[in-house]
Protein backbone atom coordinates (compact mmCIF):
# COMPACT_ATOMS: atom_id res chain seq x y z
CA MET A 1 336.53 73.77 128.19
CA ALA A 2 333.95 75.30 129.98
CA ALA A 3 330.49 75.83 127.96
CA SER A 4 329.73 79.96 127.17
CA THR A 5 326.83 79.82 129.26
CA SER A 6 328.48 78.85 132.21
CA SER A 7 329.49 81.48 134.72
CA ALA A 8 332.92 82.58 136.04
CA PHE A 9 332.13 82.16 139.50
CA VAL A 10 332.71 79.02 141.11
CA LEU A 11 332.14 77.40 144.58
CA CYS A 12 335.24 74.76 145.89
CA LYS A 13 335.61 72.65 148.43
CA VAL A 14 339.15 73.13 149.57
CA ARG A 15 341.82 70.88 151.57
CA HIS A 16 344.67 74.02 152.97
CA ASN A 17 347.86 73.02 155.40
CA VAL A 18 348.12 75.80 157.76
CA SER A 19 351.24 76.47 160.19
CA LEU A 20 350.36 77.78 163.35
CA SER A 21 353.03 79.59 165.49
CA PRO A 22 352.93 78.96 169.36
CA CYS A 23 351.38 82.15 170.14
CA HIS A 24 347.93 80.55 168.58
CA ALA A 25 348.09 77.25 170.29
CA THR A 26 345.10 78.72 172.75
CA GLU A 27 343.24 80.20 169.89
CA PRO A 28 344.04 78.44 166.53
CA ARG A 29 341.15 80.21 164.74
CA VAL A 30 342.87 83.50 164.59
CA GLY A 31 345.96 82.13 163.34
CA ILE A 32 344.07 80.26 160.50
CA GLU A 33 342.06 83.17 159.39
CA GLN A 34 345.15 84.91 158.94
CA ASP A 35 346.73 82.27 157.02
CA LEU A 36 343.77 82.19 154.63
CA THR A 37 343.60 86.09 154.32
CA ASP A 38 346.79 86.35 152.53
CA GLN A 39 345.87 84.34 150.34
CA LEU A 40 342.73 86.14 149.10
CA MET A 41 342.69 88.23 145.49
CA ARG A 42 345.30 85.60 144.50
CA TYR A 43 345.81 83.18 141.57
CA SER A 44 345.94 80.02 142.57
CA GLU A 45 347.27 77.07 140.33
CA ALA A 46 345.53 74.78 142.19
CA LEU A 47 342.03 75.92 141.72
CA GLN A 48 342.78 77.63 138.22
CA GLY A 49 341.62 81.24 139.34
CA VAL A 50 341.21 84.17 141.70
CA ILE A 51 340.14 83.10 145.47
CA LEU A 52 337.79 85.83 146.68
CA SER A 53 336.65 84.35 149.76
CA PHE A 54 336.41 81.96 152.36
CA SER A 55 333.27 79.97 154.24
CA LYS A 56 332.61 77.27 155.96
CA VAL A 57 336.18 77.13 157.77
CA GLN A 58 336.79 73.21 159.90
CA LEU A 59 339.42 71.71 161.30
CA ALA A 60 339.69 68.58 159.45
CA ARG A 61 341.28 67.04 162.63
CA PRO A 62 340.81 68.41 166.25
CA TYR A 63 345.00 67.85 166.86
CA GLY A 64 348.11 69.25 164.94
CA THR A 65 351.25 68.02 164.57
CA ILE A 66 354.94 69.04 165.25
CA VAL A 67 357.16 67.90 163.11
CA ASN A 68 360.80 67.07 164.35
CA GLU A 69 362.00 70.37 166.14
CA MET A 70 360.06 73.00 164.47
CA PRO A 71 357.99 74.78 166.81
CA PHE A 72 354.82 75.20 164.24
CA ILE A 73 351.81 73.47 164.44
CA HIS A 74 350.77 71.75 160.96
CA CYS A 75 346.86 71.36 161.00
CA LYS A 76 344.65 70.83 157.71
CA VAL A 77 341.53 73.00 157.35
CA VAL A 78 338.74 72.24 155.42
CA ALA A 79 336.48 75.23 153.69
CA ASP A 80 334.52 76.20 150.44
CA ALA A 81 336.38 79.00 148.72
CA LEU A 82 334.60 81.49 146.24
CA VAL A 83 336.99 81.67 143.00
CA PHE A 84 336.74 83.51 140.24
CA ARG A 85 337.67 80.96 137.14
CA PRO A 86 337.44 82.66 133.70
CA GLN A 87 338.02 80.23 130.81
CA GLU A 88 338.54 80.39 126.81
CA GLY A 89 335.18 81.25 125.11
CA MET A 90 333.16 82.23 128.53
CA ARG A 91 330.80 85.13 128.05
CA LEU A 92 331.34 87.77 130.49
CA ARG A 93 330.04 91.49 131.38
CA GLY A 94 332.59 94.09 131.12
CA PHE A 95 332.53 97.65 132.37
CA ILE A 96 334.43 100.29 129.94
CA ASN A 97 336.88 102.75 132.12
CA LYS A 98 339.39 103.41 129.12
CA ILE A 99 339.00 104.20 125.53
CA GLY A 100 342.50 103.83 123.54
CA SER A 101 342.94 103.99 119.73
CA ASN A 102 343.99 100.51 119.21
CA HIS A 103 342.00 99.12 122.30
CA VAL A 104 339.32 99.52 124.88
CA GLY A 105 339.92 98.81 128.34
CA MET A 106 337.05 97.18 130.60
CA LEU A 107 336.61 95.68 134.19
CA PHE A 108 335.22 92.33 135.12
CA ALA A 109 333.21 92.33 138.22
CA GLY A 110 334.40 95.61 139.32
CA VAL A 111 338.07 93.94 140.00
CA PHE A 112 339.92 92.38 137.31
CA ASN A 113 341.12 93.93 134.40
CA GLY A 114 339.96 93.06 130.60
CA SER A 115 340.70 94.29 127.19
CA VAL A 116 339.34 94.17 123.54
CA ALA A 117 341.80 94.91 120.63
CA GLU A 118 341.10 96.97 117.82
CA SER A 119 340.64 93.77 115.41
CA GLU A 120 338.02 92.28 118.12
CA LEU A 121 335.79 95.14 117.89
CA PRO A 122 332.84 94.49 115.89
CA LYS A 123 332.89 95.48 112.04
CA GLY A 124 332.37 99.30 111.27
CA TYR A 125 333.82 100.91 114.22
CA VAL A 126 336.47 103.87 113.90
CA HIS A 127 337.94 105.37 116.70
CA ASN A 128 337.02 109.10 117.56
CA TYR A 129 339.47 111.26 118.61
CA ALA A 130 337.63 114.30 119.83
CA GLN A 131 334.69 112.09 121.77
CA ASP A 132 336.93 110.21 122.36
CA CYS A 133 335.02 106.97 121.74
CA TRP A 134 335.05 104.23 118.92
CA LEU A 135 331.42 105.31 116.70
CA ALA A 136 329.72 102.71 113.81
CA GLU A 137 328.14 104.22 110.63
CA ASP A 138 324.72 103.88 112.33
CA GLY A 139 325.45 106.41 114.78
CA SER A 140 325.80 103.83 117.83
CA SER A 141 329.30 104.06 120.11
CA ILE A 142 331.16 102.31 122.27
CA SER A 143 332.40 104.85 125.13
CA VAL A 144 333.34 104.87 128.54
CA ASN A 145 330.98 103.67 131.43
CA ASP A 146 328.97 101.47 128.72
CA GLU A 147 328.53 98.09 129.68
CA VAL A 148 329.14 95.31 126.82
CA ASP A 149 329.04 91.40 126.67
CA VAL A 150 332.39 90.02 125.62
CA GLN A 151 333.60 86.51 125.25
CA VAL A 152 337.21 85.48 126.86
CA LEU A 153 339.76 84.43 124.15
CA ARG A 154 342.79 84.33 126.13
CA VAL A 155 343.74 84.65 130.29
CA HIS A 156 347.03 85.73 131.21
CA VAL A 157 348.38 85.05 134.61
CA ALA A 158 351.03 87.04 135.85
CA GLY A 159 352.15 88.16 139.79
CA GLY A 160 349.33 86.38 141.26
CA MET A 161 347.19 88.67 139.20
CA ILE A 162 344.90 87.76 135.57
CA ALA A 163 344.44 90.09 132.62
CA ILE A 164 341.68 88.80 130.43
CA GLU A 165 341.73 89.29 126.19
CA ALA A 166 338.65 89.14 125.30
CA THR A 167 336.37 89.61 121.72
CA MET A 168 333.17 91.59 120.86
CA ARG A 169 332.57 89.91 117.84
CA VAL A 170 330.36 87.57 119.07
CA LYS A 171 326.47 86.40 117.86
CA GLY A 172 323.79 87.40 119.81
CA ALA A 173 326.16 89.67 121.63
CA SER A 174 324.41 92.80 122.98
CA LYS A 175 325.52 95.97 122.06
CA ALA A 176 326.85 98.91 124.53
CA SER A 177 324.51 100.07 126.74
CA PRO A 178 324.85 103.82 128.64
CA SER A 179 325.15 103.12 132.60
CA LYS A 180 323.23 105.66 134.80
CA LYS A 181 325.70 108.16 135.01
CA SER A 182 325.98 108.37 131.07
CA LYS A 183 322.13 108.65 131.03
CA LYS A 184 322.34 111.45 133.27
CA LYS A 185 324.52 113.33 131.21
CA ALA A 186 322.49 112.76 128.12
CA THR A 187 319.78 114.21 129.76
CA LEU A 188 320.83 117.92 131.01
CA ASP A 189 319.29 120.84 129.59
CA LEU A 190 322.50 122.80 128.24
CA THR A 191 320.01 124.90 126.39
CA ALA A 192 318.22 126.68 129.62
CA GLU A 193 318.86 130.65 130.39
CA THR A 194 321.51 131.17 133.12
CA PRO A 195 319.68 132.88 135.80
CA LYS A 196 319.99 136.40 136.02
CA ILE A 197 322.46 138.01 138.68
CA PRO A 198 321.68 141.09 139.97
CA GLU A 199 324.21 144.27 139.20
CA ILE A 200 325.76 144.90 142.46
CA LYS A 201 328.20 147.25 141.19
CA SER A 202 326.66 150.29 140.55
CA THR A 203 325.78 150.50 144.24
CA LYS A 204 329.33 149.94 145.38
CA THR A 205 330.83 152.31 143.32
CA LYS A 206 328.30 154.81 144.78
CA LYS A 207 329.38 153.68 148.13
CA ALA A 208 332.76 153.83 147.49
CA LYS A 209 332.27 157.24 146.18
CA LYS A 210 330.25 158.33 149.13
CA ARG A 211 333.22 157.53 151.46
CA LYS A 212 335.77 159.16 149.65
CA HIS A 213 334.23 161.92 149.39
CA ALA A 214 333.53 161.91 153.26
CA GLU A 215 337.10 161.05 154.10
CA GLU A 216 338.27 163.69 151.78
CA ALA A 217 336.15 166.26 153.92
CA VAL A 218 337.37 165.31 156.63
CA VAL A 219 340.94 165.48 155.53
CA VAL A 220 340.45 169.04 154.26
CA GLU A 221 338.69 170.09 157.58
CA GLU A 222 342.04 168.52 159.48
CA GLU A 223 343.92 170.26 156.86
CA ALA A 224 342.43 173.48 157.99
CA GLU A 225 342.24 173.59 161.69
CA GLU A 226 345.91 172.58 161.99
CA GLU A 227 347.07 175.70 159.51
CA GLU A 228 344.34 177.72 161.93
CA VAL A 229 346.66 177.06 165.26
CA VAL A 230 349.78 177.05 163.43
CA VAL A 231 349.25 180.42 162.26
CA LYS A 232 347.55 181.58 165.97
CA VAL A 233 350.22 180.14 167.45
CA LYS A 234 353.01 182.20 165.41
CA LYS A 235 350.98 185.13 165.46
CA SER A 236 351.25 185.65 169.11
CA LYS A 237 355.08 184.51 169.45
CA HIS A 238 355.64 187.28 167.08
CA LYS A 239 354.34 189.82 168.83
CA ASP A 240 355.55 188.88 172.42
CA LYS A 241 359.10 189.15 171.05
CA ASP A 242 358.63 192.49 169.58
CA GLY A 243 357.36 193.83 172.28
CA LYS A 244 359.81 192.40 174.50
CA LYS A 245 362.58 193.98 171.66
CA LYS A 246 361.04 197.57 172.31
CA LYS A 247 360.55 197.59 175.97
CA HIS A 248 364.76 196.62 175.90
CA LYS A 249 365.65 199.42 173.16
CA LYS A 250 363.38 201.98 175.35
CA SER A 251 365.43 201.17 178.61
CA LYS A 252 368.93 201.41 177.11
CA HIS A 253 367.85 204.84 175.87
CA ASP A 254 366.64 206.04 179.19
């Protein structure tokens, strides 16, 4: 059982069996890296934690072995593995990312999910729907973007991933501390006067009116010109027709 002050990050020496395909015979390091990369961010039963990275990767022997008629080359690899291994009783620092009516959700190391049930929250905290946080009688709160110290109760493993169940009822644990983002939000001056915007409507309406008047004047002038032209043409036609009729009548009478 690990002590409460120990770290959840452990560096382990591991020996791993790798089966290299024939295409990696000339460059075995490429095949080894591909095999090790597939194991990252997954829970390992042998190491009792999630493998985060590998370092100092070396071949245990300079030669590999081929078993029977199998085309793969079997070799052993030695490396240092950084493992995230949370255990019961361990103290961790979580970053709250969700507030529920019966629990508080958080992330550990920015990756691993964790939760604190309502029964494991500090005494006196009540869920506030309006502010989306947990409030205490003294005015302190637990809200999103806060960082809190918790103690691990249980670690659940499913599908190669882990979920941590923790408690905040720990003696000497620090209270929720807001992050930088929440501090910036708290210092915003909401009472500042809004900048005055110059009135542009009046100038626009005046310009629009002028344009309308100018357009109306142009339309009236065009209509008047068209009417005058039509009238002149009509008068000239009627006069010519009347003159021709009179001439024809006179010629007939003669």
